């Protein structure tokens, strides 16, 4: 009681500072033996959007925030209205989710004409009808920039110059997803390795390494970064002897890298042997092998 009394003024300050409400009260949950009562407190907090956060529209058009700029640097319409978000047009053709473009057109028409739209997925509003709505929207005050094509002339927020091509401008729903970069960011120096492959474990929870996949390998191959690639695929991954040697060379101050055989290659050999394929490393040189075959 004394402890509670000493902190009562703090509680009073917190109540003035933050709103709070009981969201749910549950009972009857299984709790560990020896625990009489368990209280879980969930704290809701506002998270500002930052570069790397994931967002999505209503058509599977997900993506991450690449850049956040001041409002005055955003592209703007002829009447000075800045756009709020810019989406990459490359996210439309190959994925063929044209719904997001139609939603943009219909959204601005509905905003101008003052009505709400509920359109079914496969039996939705027709393109002709959207064009008619856009034609009507152009007559409304503040929407003179609207065209039947759904495009508008935008101006560069930094220079004031118009862009070469007209741009699709409208209103859509964009939602912030629960994948926030601040929760995902992770780095590792030394940590746990898989017992089978001897490669670092994956994921932040396991204090794992960053996955260097096929496509990342292609990127380094395109740059011709052979030594970086060798390092990533051997001593920084599953070359067990190489890991020890590289540590010793760093301690001595050498700048040499002697890569060995990755453990994943041994795993592949063992797996092939388990299928009844007697695979062995080494043997005859290619020239003598070809002579024997002939």
C-alpha atoms as a PDB file:
ATOM      1  CA  UNK A   1       0.000   0.000   0.000  1.00  0.00           C
ATOM      2  CA  UNK A   2       2.828   2.387   0.824  1.00  0.00           C
ATOM      3  CA  UNK A   3       4.416   1.725  -2.575  1.00  0.00           C
ATOM      4  CA  UNK A   4       1.102   2.368  -4.383  1.00  0.00           C
ATOM      5  CA  UNK A   5       0.557   5.548  -2.357  1.00  0.00           C
ATOM      6  CA  UNK A   6       4.028   6.842  -3.250  1.00  0.00           C
ATOM      7  CA  UNK A   7       3.307   6.408  -6.975  1.00  0.00           C
ATOM      8  CA  UNK A   8      -0.281   7.701  -6.917  1.00  0.00           C
ATOM      9  CA  UNK A   9       0.674  11.182  -8.119  1.00  0.00           C
ATOM     10  CA  UNK A  10       2.523   9.572 -11.060  1.00  0.00           C
ATOM     11  CA  UNK A  11      -0.637   7.657 -12.005  1.00  0.00           C
ATOM     12  CA  UNK A  12      -2.603  10.908 -11.874  1.00  0.00           C
ATOM     13  CA  UNK A  13      -0.079  12.597 -14.201  1.00  0.00           C
ATOM     14  CA  UNK A  14      -0.265   9.685 -16.647  1.00  0.00           C
ATOM     15  CA  UNK A  15      -4.063   9.806 -16.718  1.00  0.00           C
ATOM     16  CA  UNK A  16      -3.932  13.466 -17.705  1.00  0.00           C
ATOM     17  CA  UNK A  17      -1.239  12.810 -20.307  1.00  0.00           C
ATOM     18  CA  UNK A  18      -2.715   9.793 -22.118  1.00  0.00           C
ATOM     19  CA  UNK A  19      -6.133   8.425 -22.933  1.00  0.00           C
ATOM     20  CA  UNK A  20      -6.750   4.856 -21.873  1.00  0.00           C
ATOM     21  CA  UNK A  21      -9.551   2.353 -22.166  1.00  0.00           C
ATOM     22  CA  UNK A  22     -10.033  -1.323 -21.349  1.00  0.00           C
ATOM     23  CA  UNK A  23     -10.275  -3.091 -24.693  1.00  0.00           C
ATOM     24  CA  UNK A  24     -11.069  -6.591 -23.428  1.00  0.00           C
ATOM     25  CA  UNK A  25     -11.048  -8.641 -20.242  1.00  0.00           C
ATOM     26  CA  UNK A  26     -10.529 -12.381 -20.642  1.00  0.00           C
ATOM     27  CA  UNK A  27     -10.725 -15.136 -18.066  1.00  0.00           C
ATOM     28  CA  UNK A  28     -10.303 -18.889 -18.100  1.00  0.00           C
ATOM     29  CA  UNK A  29      -6.989 -18.956 -20.011  1.00  0.00           C
ATOM     30  CA  UNK A  30      -4.553 -21.725 -19.133  1.00  0.00           C
ATOM     31  CA  UNK A  31      -1.681 -20.410 -17.051  1.00  0.00           C
ATOM     32  CA  UNK A  32       1.501 -22.089 -15.924  1.00  0.00           C
ATOM     33  CA  UNK A  33       1.373 -24.083 -12.682  1.00  0.00           C
ATOM     34  CA  UNK A  34       2.360 -22.037  -9.649  1.00  0.00           C
ATOM     35  CA  UNK A  35       1.016 -18.772 -11.136  1.00  0.00           C
ATOM     36  CA  UNK A  36      -2.097 -17.491  -9.363  1.00  0.00           C
ATOM     37  CA  UNK A  37      -2.905 -14.506 -11.552  1.00  0.00           C
ATOM     38  CA  UNK A  38      -1.507 -13.231 -14.844  1.00  0.00           C
ATOM     39  CA  UNK A  39      -2.092  -9.750 -16.240  1.00  0.00           C
ATOM     40  CA  UNK A  40      -1.165  -8.812 -19.821  1.00  0.00           C
ATOM     41  CA  UNK A  41      -1.075  -5.125 -20.699  1.00  0.00           C
ATOM     42  CA  UNK A  42      -1.226  -4.182 -24.385  1.00  0.00           C
ATOM     43  CA  UNK A  43      -0.019  -0.676 -25.161  1.00  0.00           C
ATOM     44  CA  UNK A  44      -1.187   0.979 -28.387  1.00  0.00           C
ATOM     45  CA  UNK A  45       1.144   3.576 -29.847  1.00  0.00           C
ATOM     46  CA  UNK A  46       1.135   5.782 -32.928  1.00  0.00           C
ATOM     47  CA  UNK A  47       3.943   5.029 -35.380  1.00  0.00           C
ATOM     48  CA  UNK A  48       4.971   7.674 -37.893  1.00  0.00           C
ATOM     49  CA  UNK A  49       5.446   6.473 -41.446  1.00  0.00           C
ATOM     50  CA  UNK A  50       9.119   6.087 -42.356  1.00  0.00           C
ATOM     51  CA  UNK A  51      11.172   4.966 -45.354  1.00  0.00           C
ATOM     52  CA  UNK A  52      10.938   1.178 -45.685  1.00  0.00           C
ATOM     53  CA  UNK A  53       7.452   0.845 -44.161  1.00  0.00           C
ATOM     54  CA  UNK A  54       5.027  -1.284 -46.164  1.00  0.00           C
ATOM     55  CA  UNK A  55       1.797   0.045 -47.657  1.00  0.00           C
ATOM     56  CA  UNK A  56      -0.859  -1.454 -49.915  1.00  0.00           C
ATOM     57  CA  UNK A  57      -3.923  -0.504 -51.910  1.00  0.00           C
ATOM     58  CA  UNK A  58      -7.005  -2.674 -52.377  1.00  0.00           C
ATOM     59  CA  UNK A  59      -5.749  -4.554 -55.429  1.00  0.00           C
ATOM     60  CA  UNK A  60      -2.697  -6.362 -54.098  1.00  0.00           C
ATOM     61  CA  UNK A  61      -0.626  -3.320 -55.069  1.00  0.00           C
ATOM     62  CA  UNK A  62       1.734  -3.471 -52.125  1.00  0.00           C
ATOM     63  CA  UNK A  63       5.074  -1.749 -51.842  1.00  0.00           C
ATOM     64  CA  UNK A  64       7.486   0.009 -49.525  1.00  0.00           C
ATOM     65  CA  UNK A  65       7.980   3.725 -48.987  1.00  0.00           C
ATOM     66  CA  UNK A  66      11.058   4.754 -50.975  1.00  0.00           C
ATOM     67  CA  UNK A  67      11.224   8.424 -50.069  1.00  0.00           C
ATOM     68  CA  UNK A  68       9.442  11.018 -47.936  1.00  0.00           C
ATOM     69  CA  UNK A  69       9.742  14.658 -49.037  1.00  0.00           C
ATOM     70  CA  UNK A  70       8.269  17.944 -47.750  1.00  0.00           C
ATOM     71  CA  UNK A  71       4.821  18.777 -49.131  1.00  0.00           C
ATOM     72  CA  UNK A  72       6.205  21.728 -51.106  1.00  0.00           C
ATOM     73  CA  UNK A  73       8.544  19.374 -53.037  1.00  0.00           C
ATOM     74  CA  UNK A  74       5.731  17.053 -54.150  1.00  0.00           C
ATOM     75  CA  UNK A  75       4.392  17.309 -57.723  1.00  0.00           C
ATOM     76  CA  UNK A  76       1.338  19.591 -57.881  1.00  0.00           C
ATOM     77  CA  UNK A  77      -1.675  20.227 -60.112  1.00  0.00           C
ATOM     78  CA  UNK A  78      -2.290  23.374 -62.153  1.00  0.00           C
ATOM     79  CA  UNK A  79      -4.353  24.849 -59.278  1.00  0.00           C
ATOM     80  CA  UNK A  80      -1.451  24.304 -56.836  1.00  0.00           C
ATOM     81  CA  UNK A  81      -2.837  21.197 -55.086  1.00  0.00           C
ATOM     82  CA  UNK A  82       0.061  18.832 -54.243  1.00  0.00           C
ATOM     83  CA  UNK A  83      -0.392  15.065 -54.609  1.00  0.00           C
ATOM     84  CA  UNK A  84      -0.013  13.034 -51.416  1.00  0.00           C
ATOM     85  CA  UNK A  85       1.590   9.854 -52.743  1.00  0.00           C
ATOM     86  CA  UNK A  86       3.373   8.867 -55.966  1.00  0.00           C
ATOM     87  CA  UNK A  87       3.238   5.248 -57.153  1.00  0.00           C
ATOM     88  CA  UNK A  88       5.640   3.665 -59.633  1.00  0.00           C
ATOM     89  CA  UNK A  89       3.877   2.959 -62.972  1.00  0.00           C
ATOM     90  CA  UNK A  90       6.025  -0.184 -63.377  1.00  0.00           C
ATOM     91  CA  UNK A  91       3.833  -1.763 -60.683  1.00  0.00           C
ATOM     92  CA  UNK A  92       0.872  -1.975 -63.095  1.00  0.00           C
ATOM     93  CA  UNK A  93       1.586  -3.623 -66.495  1.00  0.00           C
ATOM     94  CA  UNK A  94       3.382  -6.859 -65.559  1.00  0.00           C
ATOM     95  CA  UNK A  95       1.079  -7.525 -62.588  1.00  0.00           C
ATOM     96  CA  UNK A  96      -2.029  -6.706 -64.635  1.00  0.00           C
ATOM     97  CA  UNK A  97      -3.994  -5.382 -61.637  1.00  0.00           C
ATOM     98  CA  UNK A  98      -5.726  -2.641 -63.623  1.00  0.00           C
ATOM     99  CA  UNK A  99      -8.278  -2.284 -60.822  1.00  0.00           C
ATOM    100  CA  UNK A 100      -6.017   0.196 -59.043  1.00  0.00           C
ATOM    101  CA  UNK A 101      -6.059   2.515 -62.088  1.00  0.00           C
ATOM    102  CA  UNK A 102      -9.844   2.295 -62.448  1.00  0.00           C
ATOM    103  CA  UNK A 103     -10.191   2.959 -58.711  1.00  0.00           C
ATOM    104  CA  UNK A 104      -8.062   6.101 -59.150  1.00  0.00           C
ATOM    105  CA  UNK A 105     -10.371   7.391 -61.913  1.00  0.00           C
ATOM    106  CA  UNK A 106     -13.610   6.482 -60.157  1.00  0.00           C
ATOM    107  CA  UNK A 107     -12.333   7.799 -56.823  1.00  0.00           C
ATOM    108  CA  UNK A 108     -11.734  11.319 -58.111  1.00  0.00           C
ATOM    109  CA  UNK A 109     -15.083  11.323 -59.968  1.00  0.00           C
ATOM    110  CA  UNK A 110     -16.942  10.204 -56.834  1.00  0.00           C
ATOM    111  CA  UNK A 111     -15.105  12.829 -54.749  1.00  0.00           C
ATOM    112  CA  UNK A 112     -16.064  15.599 -57.197  1.00  0.00           C
ATOM    113  CA  UNK A 113     -19.688  14.516 -57.604  1.00  0.00           C
ATOM    114  CA  UNK A 114     -20.155  13.804 -53.886  1.00  0.00           C
ATOM    115  CA  UNK A 115     -21.251  10.171 -53.866  1.00  0.00           C
ATOM    116  CA  UNK A 116     -19.852   6.873 -52.582  1.00  0.00           C
ATOM    117  CA  UNK A 117     -19.304   3.780 -54.713  1.00  0.00           C
ATOM    118  CA  UNK A 118     -19.608   0.099 -53.828  1.00  0.00           C
ATOM    119  CA  UNK A 119     -18.588  -1.845 -56.921  1.00  0.00           C
ATOM    120  CA  UNK A 120     -18.523  -5.676 -57.013  1.00  0.00           C
ATOM    121  CA  UNK A 121     -15.328  -7.438 -58.052  1.00  0.00           C
ATOM    122  CA  UNK A 122     -16.370  -9.243 -61.255  1.00  0.00           C
ATOM    123  CA  UNK A 123     -19.553  -7.343 -62.084  1.00  0.00           C
ATOM    124  CA  UNK A 124     -18.346  -3.837 -61.339  1.00  0.00           C
ATOM    125  CA  UNK A 125     -18.776  -0.459 -62.955  1.00  0.00           C
ATOM    126  CA  UNK A 126     -18.016  -0.256 -66.685  1.00  0.00           C
ATOM    127  CA  UNK A 127     -15.255   1.890 -68.193  1.00  0.00           C
ATOM    128  CA  UNK A 128     -17.821   3.854 -70.221  1.00  0.00           C
ATOM    129  CA  UNK A 129     -19.657   4.825 -67.027  1.00  0.00           C
ATOM    130  CA  UNK A 130     -16.394   5.989 -65.391  1.00  0.00           C
ATOM    131  CA  UNK A 131     -15.682   8.198 -68.431  1.00  0.00           C
ATOM    132  CA  UNK A 132     -19.136   9.775 -68.101  1.00  0.00           C
ATOM    133  CA  UNK A 133     -18.559  10.459 -64.403  1.00  0.00           C
ATOM    134  CA  UNK A 134     -15.168  12.049 -65.169  1.00  0.00           C
ATOM    135  CA  UNK A 135     -16.829  14.251 -67.807  1.00  0.00           C
ATOM    136  CA  UNK A 136     -19.352  15.434 -65.187  1.00  0.00           C
ATOM    137  CA  UNK A 137     -16.630  15.867 -62.526  1.00  0.00           C
ATOM    138  CA  UNK A 138     -14.737  18.338 -64.734  1.00  0.00           C
ATOM    139  CA  UNK A 139     -17.657  20.805 -64.423  1.00  0.00           C
ATOM    140  CA  UNK A 140     -17.440  20.890 -60.610  1.00  0.00           C
ATOM    141  CA  UNK A 141     -15.648  23.691 -58.785  1.00  0.00           C
ATOM    142  CA  UNK A 142     -12.072  22.793 -57.844  1.00  0.00           C
ATOM    143  CA  UNK A 143     -11.963  19.882 -60.298  1.00  0.00           C
ATOM    144  CA  UNK A 144     -11.304  21.738 -63.552  1.00  0.00           C
ATOM    145  CA  UNK A 145      -8.063  19.731 -63.951  1.00  0.00           C
ATOM    146  CA  UNK A 146     -10.011  16.458 -64.338  1.00  0.00           C
ATOM    147  CA  UNK A 147     -10.101  15.031 -67.885  1.00  0.00           C
ATOM    148  CA  UNK A 148     -12.043  12.146 -69.421  1.00  0.00           C
ATOM    149  CA  UNK A 149      -8.745  10.302 -69.833  1.00  0.00           C
ATOM    150  CA  UNK A 150      -8.221  10.396 -66.055  1.00  0.00           C
ATOM    151  CA  UNK A 151      -4.837  12.052 -66.587  1.00  0.00           C
ATOM    152  CA  UNK A 152      -3.702  15.524 -65.545  1.00  0.00           C
ATOM    153  CA  UNK A 153      -0.727  17.798 -66.093  1.00  0.00           C
ATOM    154  CA  UNK A 154       1.572  17.748 -63.055  1.00  0.00           C
ATOM    155  CA  UNK A 155       4.346  20.204 -62.200  1.00  0.00           C
ATOM    156  CA  UNK A 156       7.663  19.483 -60.484  1.00  0.00           C
ATOM    157  CA  UNK A 157       7.459  20.719 -56.883  1.00  0.00           C
ATOM    158  CA  UNK A 158      11.135  21.722 -56.813  1.00  0.00           C
ATOM    159  CA  UNK A 159      11.474  23.533 -60.149  1.00  0.00           C
ATOM    160  CA  UNK A 160       7.869  24.377 -61.047  1.00  0.00           C
ATOM    161  CA  UNK A 161       8.378  22.953 -64.550  1.00  0.00           C
ATOM    162  CA  UNK A 162       5.622  20.750 -66.014  1.00  0.00           C
ATOM    163  CA  UNK A 163       6.410  17.059 -66.502  1.00  0.00           C
ATOM    164  CA  UNK A 164       6.753  15.870 -70.111  1.00  0.00           C
ATOM    165  CA  UNK A 165       3.834  13.425 -69.922  1.00  0.00           C
ATOM    166  CA  UNK A 166       0.431  13.726 -68.295  1.00  0.00           C
ATOM    167  CA  UNK A 167      -0.016  11.593 -65.177  1.00  0.00           C
ATOM    168  CA  UNK A 168      -2.963   9.585 -63.799  1.00  0.00           C
ATOM    169  CA  UNK A 169      -4.186  11.517 -60.740  1.00  0.00           C
ATOM    170  CA  UNK A 170      -7.072  10.527 -58.489  1.00  0.00           C
ATOM    171  CA  UNK A 171      -8.239   9.199 -55.130  1.00  0.00           C
ATOM    172  CA  UNK A 172      -7.610   5.668 -53.838  1.00  0.00           C
ATOM    173  CA  UNK A 173      -7.498   3.863 -50.508  1.00  0.00           C
ATOM    174  CA  UNK A 174      -3.926   3.269 -49.327  1.00  0.00           C
ATOM    175  CA  UNK A 175      -3.436   1.283 -46.145  1.00  0.00           C
ATOM    176  CA  UNK A 176      -0.427   1.039 -43.869  1.00  0.00           C
ATOM    177  CA  UNK A 177       0.445  -2.596 -43.194  1.00  0.00           C
ATOM    178  CA  UNK A 178       1.832  -4.029 -39.974  1.00  0.00           C
ATOM    179  CA  UNK A 179       5.284  -4.574 -41.490  1.00  0.00           C
ATOM    180  CA  UNK A 180       7.223  -1.635 -40.088  1.00  0.00           C
ATOM    181  CA  UNK A 181      10.912  -1.288 -40.872  1.00  0.00           C
ATOM    182  CA  UNK A 182      11.739  -0.230 -37.297  1.00  0.00           C
ATOM    183  CA  UNK A 183      10.531  -3.656 -36.077  1.00  0.00           C
ATOM    184  CA  UNK A 184      12.313  -5.578 -38.819  1.00  0.00           C
ATOM    185  CA  UNK A 185      15.754  -3.945 -38.881  1.00  0.00           C
ATOM    186  CA  UNK A 186      18.399  -6.431 -37.789  1.00  0.00           C
ATOM    187  CA  UNK A 187      22.149  -6.972 -38.037  1.00  0.00           C
ATOM    188  CA  UNK A 188      24.490  -9.689 -36.818  1.00  0.00           C
ATOM    189  CA  UNK A 189      28.228 -10.194 -36.454  1.00  0.00           C
ATOM    190  CA  UNK A 190      28.757 -13.584 -34.768  1.00  0.00           C
ATOM    191  CA  UNK A 191      25.829 -15.838 -33.967  1.00  0.00           C
ATOM    192  CA  UNK A 192      24.267 -19.310 -34.157  1.00  0.00           C
ATOM    193  CA  UNK A 193      24.766 -21.672 -37.114  1.00  0.00           C
ATOM    194  CA  UNK A 194      22.536 -24.489 -38.412  1.00  0.00           C
ATOM    195  CA  UNK A 195      23.842 -27.905 -37.307  1.00  0.00           C
ATOM    196  CA  UNK A 196      23.103 -29.511 -40.687  1.00  0.00           C
ATOM    197  CA  UNK A 197      24.243 -26.935 -43.263  1.00  0.00           C
ATOM    198  CA  UNK A 198      26.584 -24.931 -40.986  1.00  0.00           C
ATOM    199  CA  UNK A 199      25.010 -21.778 -42.444  1.00  0.00           C
ATOM    200  CA  UNK A 200      23.828 -18.955 -40.164  1.00  0.00           C
ATOM    201  CA  UNK A 201      20.236 -19.320 -38.952  1.00  0.00           C
ATOM    202  CA  UNK A 202      17.580 -17.097 -40.509  1.00  0.00           C
ATOM    203  CA  UNK A 203      15.413 -14.453 -38.908  1.00  0.00           C
ATOM    204  CA  UNK A 204      15.643 -11.762 -36.279  1.00  0.00           C
ATOM    205  CA  UNK A 205      14.204 -14.013 -33.559  1.00  0.00           C
ATOM    206  CA  UNK A 206      17.052 -16.547 -33.958  1.00  0.00           C
ATOM    207  CA  UNK A 207      19.646 -13.756 -34.218  1.00  0.00           C
ATOM    208  CA  UNK A 208      20.259 -15.008 -37.740  1.00  0.00           C
ATOM    209  CA  UNK A 209      22.165 -13.745 -40.750  1.00  0.00           C
ATOM    210  CA  UNK A 210      20.936 -11.895 -43.830  1.00  0.00           C
ATOM    211  CA  UNK A 211      19.871 -14.250 -46.607  1.00  0.00           C
ATOM    212  CA  UNK A 212      21.981 -13.845 -49.730  1.00  0.00           C
ATOM    213  CA  UNK A 213      19.785 -15.496 -52.353  1.00  0.00           C
ATOM    214  CA  UNK A 214      20.036 -16.345 -56.040  1.00  0.00           C
ATOM    215  CA  UNK A 215      19.049 -12.902 -57.254  1.00  0.00           C
ATOM    216  CA  UNK A 216      21.545 -11.174 -54.970  1.00  0.00           C
ATOM    217  CA  UNK A 217      24.237 -13.467 -56.396  1.00  0.00           C
ATOM    218  CA  UNK A 218      23.229 -12.396 -59.921  1.00  0.00           C
ATOM    219  CA  UNK A 219      23.576  -8.742 -58.879  1.00  0.00           C
ATOM    220  CA  UNK A 220      27.162  -9.236 -57.684  1.00  0.00           C
ATOM    221  CA  UNK A 221      27.972 -11.333 -60.769  1.00  0.00           C
ATOM    222  CA  UNK A 222      26.734  -8.451 -62.936  1.00  0.00           C
ATOM    223  CA  UNK A 223      29.155  -6.133 -61.132  1.00  0.00           C
ATOM    224  CA  UNK A 224      32.002  -8.616 -61.514  1.00  0.00           C
ATOM    225  CA  UNK A 225      32.556  -8.591 -57.736  1.00  0.00           C
ATOM    226  CA  UNK A 226      34.063 -12.084 -57.674  1.00  0.00           C
ATOM    227  CA  UNK A 227      36.012 -11.823 -54.403  1.00  0.00           C
ATOM    228  CA  UNK A 228      33.099 -10.292 -52.495  1.00  0.00           C
ATOM    229  CA  UNK A 229      30.880 -13.096 -53.789  1.00  0.00           C
ATOM    230  CA  UNK A 230      33.387 -15.787 -52.822  1.00  0.00           C
ATOM    231  CA  UNK A 231      33.660 -14.319 -49.319  1.00  0.00           C
ATOM    232  CA  UNK A 232      29.871 -14.212 -48.886  1.00  0.00           C
ATOM    233  CA  UNK A 233      29.349 -17.794 -50.077  1.00  0.00           C
ATOM    234  CA  UNK A 234      32.224 -19.360 -48.113  1.00  0.00           C
ATOM    235  CA  UNK A 235      33.867 -17.824 -45.016  1.00  0.00           C
ATOM    236  CA  UNK A 236      30.847 -15.648 -44.170  1.00  0.00           C
ATOM    237  CA  UNK A 237      28.555 -18.659 -44.508  1.00  0.00           C
ATOM    238  CA  UNK A 238      29.296 -22.410 -44.307  1.00  0.00           C
ATOM    239  CA  UNK A 239      33.011 -22.934 -45.002  1.00  0.00           C
ATOM    240  CA  UNK A 240      33.845 -24.215 -41.513  1.00  0.00           C
ATOM    241  CA  UNK A 241      37.647 -24.438 -41.896  1.00  0.00           C
ATOM    242  CA  UNK A 242      37.699 -21.149 -43.824  1.00  0.00           C
ATOM    243  CA  UNK A 243      35.870 -19.381 -40.985  1.00  0.00           C
ATOM    244  CA  UNK A 244      38.638 -20.365 -38.578  1.00  0.00           C
ATOM    245  CA  UNK A 245      41.402 -19.421 -41.015  1.00  0.00           C
ATOM    246  CA  UNK A 246      39.902 -16.010 -41.790  1.00  0.00           C
ATOM    247  CA  UNK A 247      39.677 -15.266 -38.051  1.00  0.00           C
ATOM    248  CA  UNK A 248      43.350 -16.134 -37.613  1.00  0.00           C
ATOM    249  CA  UNK A 249      44.377 -14.005 -40.617  1.00  0.00           C
ATOM    250  CA  UNK A 250      42.424 -11.019 -39.254  1.00  0.00           C
ATOM    251  CA  UNK A 251      44.116 -11.382 -35.855  1.00  0.00           C
ATOM    252  CA  UNK A 252      47.556 -11.577 -37.539  1.00  0.00           C
ATOM    253  CA  UNK A 253      46.740  -8.631 -39.788  1.00  0.00           C
ATOM    254  CA  UNK A 254      46.980 -10.625 -43.041  1.00  0.00           C
ATOM    255  CA  UNK A 255      44.778  -9.736 -45.968  1.00  0.00           C
ATOM    256  CA  UNK A 256      44.532 -13.222 -47.440  1.00  0.00           C
ATOM    257  CA  UNK A 257      41.446 -15.347 -48.061  1.00  0.00           C
ATOM    258  CA  UNK A 258      41.742 -19.085 -48.617  1.00  0.00           C
ATOM    259  CA  UNK A 259      38.265 -20.398 -49.250  1.00  0.00           C
ATOM    260  CA  UNK A 260      37.589 -24.107 -48.767  1.00  0.00           C
ATOM    261  CA  UNK A 261      34.614 -26.336 -49.541  1.00  0.00           C
ATOM    262  CA  UNK A 262      31.247 -25.084 -48.286  1.00  0.00           C
ATOM    263  CA  UNK A 263      29.507 -27.521 -45.933  1.00  0.00           C
ATOM    264  CA  UNK A 264      26.336 -27.315 -48.058  1.00  0.00           C
ATOM    265  CA  UNK A 265      28.288 -29.104 -50.843  1.00  0.00           C
ATOM    266  CA  UNK A 266      29.011 -31.990 -48.456  1.00  0.00           C
ATOM    267  CA  UNK A 267      25.315 -32.071 -47.527  1.00  0.00           C
ATOM    268  CA  UNK A 268      24.458 -32.329 -51.252  1.00  0.00           C
ATOM    269  CA  UNK A 269      26.910 -35.230 -51.694  1.00  0.00           C
ATOM    270  CA  UNK A 270      25.416 -37.064 -48.688  1.00  0.00           C
ATOM    271  CA  UNK A 271      21.880 -36.508 -49.964  1.00  0.00           C
ATOM    272  CA  UNK A 272      22.796 -37.921 -53.382  1.00  0.00           C
ATOM    273  CA  UNK A 273      24.433 -40.915 -51.695  1.00  0.00           C
ATOM    274  CA  UNK A 274      21.222 -41.486 -49.728  1.00  0.00           C
ATOM    275  CA  UNK A 275      19.430 -41.792 -53.090  1.00  0.00           C
ATOM    276  CA  UNK A 276      21.828 -44.555 -54.144  1.00  0.00           C
ATOM    277  CA  UNK A 277      24.130 -42.388 -56.263  1.00  0.00           C
ATOM    278  CA  UNK A 278      27.765 -43.139 -55.421  1.00  0.00           C
ATOM    279  CA  UNK A 279      29.177 -39.625 -55.781  1.00  0.00           C
ATOM    280  CA  UNK A 280      32.792 -38.966 -54.856  1.00  0.00           C
ATOM    281  CA  UNK A 281      34.790 -35.745 -55.028  1.00  0.00           C
ATOM    282  CA  UNK A 282      38.015 -35.750 -57.064  1.00  0.00           C
ATOM    283  CA  UNK A 283      39.335 -38.574 -59.250  1.00  0.00           C
ATOM    284  CA  UNK A 284      40.728 -38.498 -62.760  1.00  0.00           C
ATOM    285  CA  UNK A 285      41.631 -35.306 -64.582  1.00  0.00           C
ATOM    286  CA  UNK A 286      39.141 -34.304 -67.296  1.00  0.00           C
ATOM    287  CA  UNK A 287      41.542 -35.105 -70.221  1.00  0.00           C
ATOM    288  CA  UNK A 288      42.358 -38.667 -69.088  1.00  0.00           C
ATOM    289  CA  UNK A 289      38.690 -39.215 -68.277  1.00  0.00           C
ATOM    290  CA  UNK A 290      37.706 -38.257 -71.832  1.00  0.00           C
ATOM    291  CA  UNK A 291      40.372 -40.605 -73.284  1.00  0.00           C
ATOM    292  CA  UNK A 292      38.968 -43.521 -71.271  1.00  0.00           C
ATOM    293  CA  UNK A 293      35.448 -42.699 -72.444  1.00  0.00           C
ATOM    294  CA  UNK A 294      36.652 -42.677 -76.088  1.00  0.00           C
END
